[in-house]
Structure formats: C-alpha cells, structure tokens
C-alpha atoms as a PDB file:
ATOM      1  CA  MET A   1       0.000   0.000   0.000  1.00  0.00           C
ATOM      2  CA  ILE A   2       1.128   3.536  -0.641  1.00  0.00           C
ATOM      3  CA  SER A   3       0.559   6.521   1.621  1.00  0.00           C
ATOM      4  CA  LYS A   4      -1.374   9.622   0.637  1.00  0.00           C
ATOM      5  CA  THR A   5       1.777  11.670   1.268  1.00  0.00           C
ATOM      6  CA  LYS A   6       3.773   9.613  -1.249  1.00  0.00           C
ATOM      7  CA  ILE A   7       0.995  10.031  -3.822  1.00  0.00           C
ATOM      8  CA  SER A   8       1.020  13.813  -3.217  1.00  0.00           C
ATOM      9  CA  LYS A   9       4.782  13.922  -3.818  1.00  0.00           C
ATOM     10  CA  ARG A  10       4.384  11.987  -7.073  1.00  0.00           C
ATOM     11  CA  THR A  11       1.536  14.261  -8.160  1.00  0.00           C
ATOM     12  CA  LYS A  12       3.740  17.366  -7.922  1.00  0.00           C
ATOM     13  CA  LYS A  13       5.771  16.047 -10.880  1.00  0.00           C
ATOM     14  CA  LYS A  14       2.674  15.863 -13.117  1.00  0.00           C
ATOM     15  CA  THR A  15       1.852  18.689 -15.537  1.00  0.00           C
ATOM     16  CA  ASN A  16      -1.550  17.564 -16.889  1.00  0.00           C
ATOM     17  CA  PRO A  17      -4.220  19.395 -14.816  1.00  0.00           C
ATOM     18  CA  GLU A  18      -6.911  16.807 -15.675  1.00  0.00           C
ATOM     19  CA  LEU A  19      -4.656  13.980 -14.441  1.00  0.00           C
ATOM     20  CA  ILE A  20      -3.814  15.875 -11.249  1.00  0.00           C
ATOM     21  CA  ALA A  21      -7.523  16.449 -10.532  1.00  0.00           C
ATOM     22  CA  THR A  22      -8.243  12.752 -11.166  1.00  0.00           C
ATOM     23  CA  ILE A  23      -5.467  11.650  -8.780  1.00  0.00           C
ATOM     24  CA  GLU A  24      -6.726  14.014  -6.070  1.00  0.00           C
ATOM     25  CA  LEU A  25     -10.308  12.769  -6.504  1.00  0.00           C
ATOM     26  CA  ALA A  26      -9.193   9.125  -6.278  1.00  0.00           C
ATOM     27  CA  LYS A  27      -7.138   9.909  -3.173  1.00  0.00           C
ATOM     28  CA  LYS A  28     -10.077  11.759  -1.579  1.00  0.00           C
ATOM     29  CA  ASN A  29     -12.346   8.727  -2.123  1.00  0.00           C
ATOM     30  CA  ASN A  30      -9.759   6.299  -0.650  1.00  0.00           C
ATOM     31  CA  LEU A  31      -9.069   4.654  -4.012  1.00  0.00           C
ATOM     32  CA  LEU A  32      -5.371   4.564  -3.159  1.00  0.00           C
ATOM     33  CA  ASP A  33      -4.425   1.750  -5.556  1.00  0.00           C
ATOM     34  CA  LEU A  34      -5.935   3.726  -8.426  1.00  0.00           C
ATOM     35  CA  ALA A  35      -4.259   6.951  -7.271  1.00  0.00           C
ATOM     36  CA  LYS A  36      -0.939   5.103  -7.025  1.00  0.00           C
ATOM     37  CA  LYS A  37      -1.189   3.849 -10.626  1.00  0.00           C
ATOM     38  CA  LEU A  38      -2.277   7.252 -11.930  1.00  0.00           C
ATOM     39  CA  SER A  39       0.539   9.067 -10.132  1.00  0.00           C
ATOM     40  CA  GLY A  40       3.170   6.647 -11.421  1.00  0.00           C
ATOM     41  CA  SER A  41       5.012   6.670 -14.706  1.00  0.00           C
ATOM     42  CA  THR A  42       2.856   6.867 -17.830  1.00  0.00           C
ATOM     43  CA  ARG A  43       5.113   4.259 -19.420  1.00  0.00           C
ATOM     44  CA  ARG A  44       3.788   1.704 -16.959  1.00  0.00           C
ATOM     45  CA  GLN A  45       0.147   2.449 -17.683  1.00  0.00           C
ATOM     46  CA  LYS A  46      -1.853  -0.027 -19.755  1.00  0.00           C
ATOM     47  CA  ARG A  47      -2.565   0.278 -23.441  1.00  0.00           C
ATOM     48  CA  VAL A  48      -5.589  -1.850 -24.266  1.00  0.00           C
ATOM     49  CA  ASN A  49      -6.931  -2.694 -27.713  1.00  0.00           C
ATOM     50  CA  LEU A  50     -10.624  -3.007 -28.523  1.00  0.00           C
ATOM     51  CA  SER A  51     -10.145  -6.687 -29.321  1.00  0.00           C
ATOM     52  CA  ASP A  52      -9.001  -7.213 -25.704  1.00  0.00           C
ATOM     53  CA  LEU A  53     -12.025  -5.289 -24.369  1.00  0.00           C
ATOM     54  CA  ASP A  54     -14.373  -7.494 -26.377  1.00  0.00           C
ATOM     55  CA  LYS A  55     -13.186 -10.506 -24.342  1.00  0.00           C
ATOM     56  CA  ILE A  56     -13.956  -8.909 -20.955  1.00  0.00           C
ATOM     57  CA  LYS A  57     -17.122 -10.190 -19.308  1.00  0.00           C
ATOM     58  CA  HIS A  58     -17.947  -7.061 -17.262  1.00  0.00           C
ATOM     59  CA  GLU A  59     -20.274  -4.307 -18.475  1.00  0.00           C
ATOM     60  CA  LYS A  60     -18.415  -1.498 -16.679  1.00  0.00           C
ATOM     61  CA  VAL A  61     -14.657  -1.219 -17.213  1.00  0.00           C
ATOM     62  CA  LEU A  62     -12.057   1.291 -16.013  1.00  0.00           C
ATOM     63  CA  ILE A  63      -8.659   1.289 -17.695  1.00  0.00           C
ATOM     64  CA  VAL A  64      -5.696   3.021 -16.094  1.00  0.00           C
ATOM     65  CA  GLY A  65      -4.148   4.039 -19.389  1.00  0.00           C
ATOM     66  CA  LYS A  66      -5.121   4.404 -23.034  1.00  0.00           C
ATOM     67  CA  VAL A  67      -7.638   2.579 -25.207  1.00  0.00           C
ATOM     68  CA  LEU A  68      -6.350   1.847 -28.716  1.00  0.00           C
ATOM     69  CA  GLY A  69      -8.444   1.149 -31.801  1.00  0.00           C
ATOM     70  CA  GLU A  70      -6.957  -2.200 -32.883  1.00  0.00           C
ATOM     71  CA  GLY A  71      -9.665  -4.801 -33.482  1.00  0.00           C
ATOM     72  CA  ASP A  72     -13.423  -4.527 -33.072  1.00  0.00           C
ATOM     73  CA  ILE A  73     -15.879  -4.550 -30.219  1.00  0.00           C
ATOM     74  CA  LYS A  74     -19.277  -6.190 -30.582  1.00  0.00           C
ATOM     75  CA  LYS A  75     -20.895  -5.559 -27.207  1.00  0.00           C
ATOM     76  CA  LYS A  76     -22.123  -2.450 -25.440  1.00  0.00           C
ATOM     77  CA  ILE A  77     -20.068  -1.539 -22.390  1.00  0.00           C
ATOM     78  CA  LYS A  78     -19.429   1.516 -20.264  1.00  0.00           C
ATOM     79  CA  ILE A  79     -15.735   2.306 -20.405  1.00  0.00           C
ATOM     80  CA  ALA A  80     -13.615   4.835 -18.545  1.00  0.00           C
ATOM     81  CA  ALA A  81      -9.961   5.505 -19.338  1.00  0.00           C
ATOM     82  CA  LEU A  82      -7.329   8.215 -19.178  1.00  0.00           C
ATOM     83  CA  SER A  83      -7.427   8.622 -22.941  1.00  0.00           C
ATOM     84  CA  PHE A  84      -8.761   7.094 -26.131  1.00  0.00           C
ATOM     85  CA  SER A  85      -7.305   7.061 -29.632  1.00  0.00           C
ATOM     86  CA  GLU A  86      -9.513   8.677 -32.279  1.00  0.00           C
ATOM     87  CA  GLN A  87     -10.062   5.310 -33.969  1.00  0.00           C
ATOM     88  CA  ALA A  88     -11.090   3.738 -30.651  1.00  0.00           C
ATOM     89  CA  LYS A  89     -13.586   6.551 -29.982  1.00  0.00           C
ATOM     90  CA  GLU A  90     -15.166   6.030 -33.405  1.00  0.00           C
ATOM     91  CA  LYS A  91     -15.474   2.264 -33.045  1.00  0.00           C
ATOM     92  CA  LEU A  92     -16.793   2.477 -29.479  1.00  0.00           C
ATOM     93  CA  SER A  93     -19.459   5.015 -30.417  1.00  0.00           C
ATOM     94  CA  LYS A  94     -20.518   2.905 -33.435  1.00  0.00           C
ATOM     95  CA  ALA A  95     -20.879  -0.127 -31.141  1.00  0.00           C
ATOM     96  CA  GLY A  96     -23.083   1.887 -28.770  1.00  0.00           C
ATOM     97  CA  CYS A  97     -20.595   2.004 -25.903  1.00  0.00           C
ATOM     98  CA  LYS A  98     -20.540   4.860 -23.407  1.00  0.00           C
ATOM     99  CA  ILE A  99     -17.177   6.595 -22.978  1.00  0.00           C
ATOM    100  CA  PHE A 100     -16.085   8.376 -19.782  1.00  0.00           C
ATOM    101  CA  THR A 101     -12.926   9.802 -18.277  1.00  0.00           C
ATOM    102  CA  ILE A 102     -11.715   8.220 -15.041  1.00  0.00           C
ATOM    103  CA  LYS A 103     -12.635  11.416 -13.218  1.00  0.00           C
ATOM    104  CA  GLN A 104     -16.241  11.223 -14.480  1.00  0.00           C
ATOM    105  CA  ALA A 105     -16.439   7.549 -13.483  1.00  0.00           C
ATOM    106  CA  ILE A 106     -15.308   8.318  -9.925  1.00  0.00           C
ATOM    107  CA  GLU A 107     -17.734  11.242  -9.645  1.00  0.00           C
ATOM    108  CA  LYS A 108     -20.662   8.996 -10.676  1.00  0.00           C
ATOM    109  CA  ASN A 109     -19.621   5.937  -8.636  1.00  0.00           C
ATOM    110  CA  LYS A 110     -17.434   7.046  -5.710  1.00  0.00           C
ATOM    111  CA  LYS A 111     -16.366   3.541  -4.656  1.00  0.00           C
ATOM    112  CA  LEU A 112     -16.303   2.137  -8.235  1.00  0.00           C
ATOM    113  CA  GLU A 113     -18.720  -0.623  -7.245  1.00  0.00           C
ATOM    114  CA  GLY A 114     -19.384  -3.109 -10.035  1.00  0.00           C
ATOM    115  CA  VAL A 115     -16.508  -1.751 -12.125  1.00  0.00           C
ATOM    116  CA  GLU A 116     -13.687  -3.962 -13.439  1.00  0.00           C
ATOM    117  CA  VAL A 117     -10.449  -1.985 -12.985  1.00  0.00           C
ATOM    118  CA  ILE A 118      -7.678  -2.897 -15.420  1.00  0.00           C
ATOM    119  CA  LYS A 119      -4.317  -1.653 -14.142  1.00  0.00           C
END
C-alpha cells in the first residue's frame, strides 16, 4: 500500500491538470491503488486494444491508461480511461458504448462498485 503523502509527492511532478484532478479525486475517495497507478510513470500504464475489451465479461470497465483502436468490439459496455485514440472513440461510439474519463467515473460511482479496474 502507498501513503497519501507519497501520492502527493508523485503528483507534484505531473503537468496535466486533468490527471492531477483525477489523482486528487481518487485519493479523496480512498481509491489509493488507483491513485498510485495514476501518479506513477505513464510508461507503466496499460494500453488496451478493442479486441481485448471485447473478451472482458464485465459491463463497466475502467482502464488506467489508453484505449487503442486495434480490433473490433461487438458488445455495449461503459468504459472509462485516461485517454482514447480517435479510432477507438469512433469504433466504441458505433458499437453503442458509453465513454467516460476516469474522473467522471469516480464522480458517478465514488467507490467504483461493479466496475472492473484494469491496471
């Protein structure tokens, strides 16, 4: 486990205001594992293709990283991520999926109940 102080120190190195706000919101809601991943190196964050998302059994998914447009998705899911490629956004909207930022997902569901978190 990581302390809130350590997360705050890591956050000071970040320059993206949206990412900083997301880390602070996760920390405020005691989602320390999520805050730890978000405050870490972006090189270590996941990059997930649509073909991988199509295999997931959950209807609500949160990805700590970027969603890429490789492959297709055939089911409707609610997906939250740090960022999406343009191709991924197109394919997800055509499939009827709902797209959120991680910050929006935390604001709607403070404890992320029923959400599959992919770190």
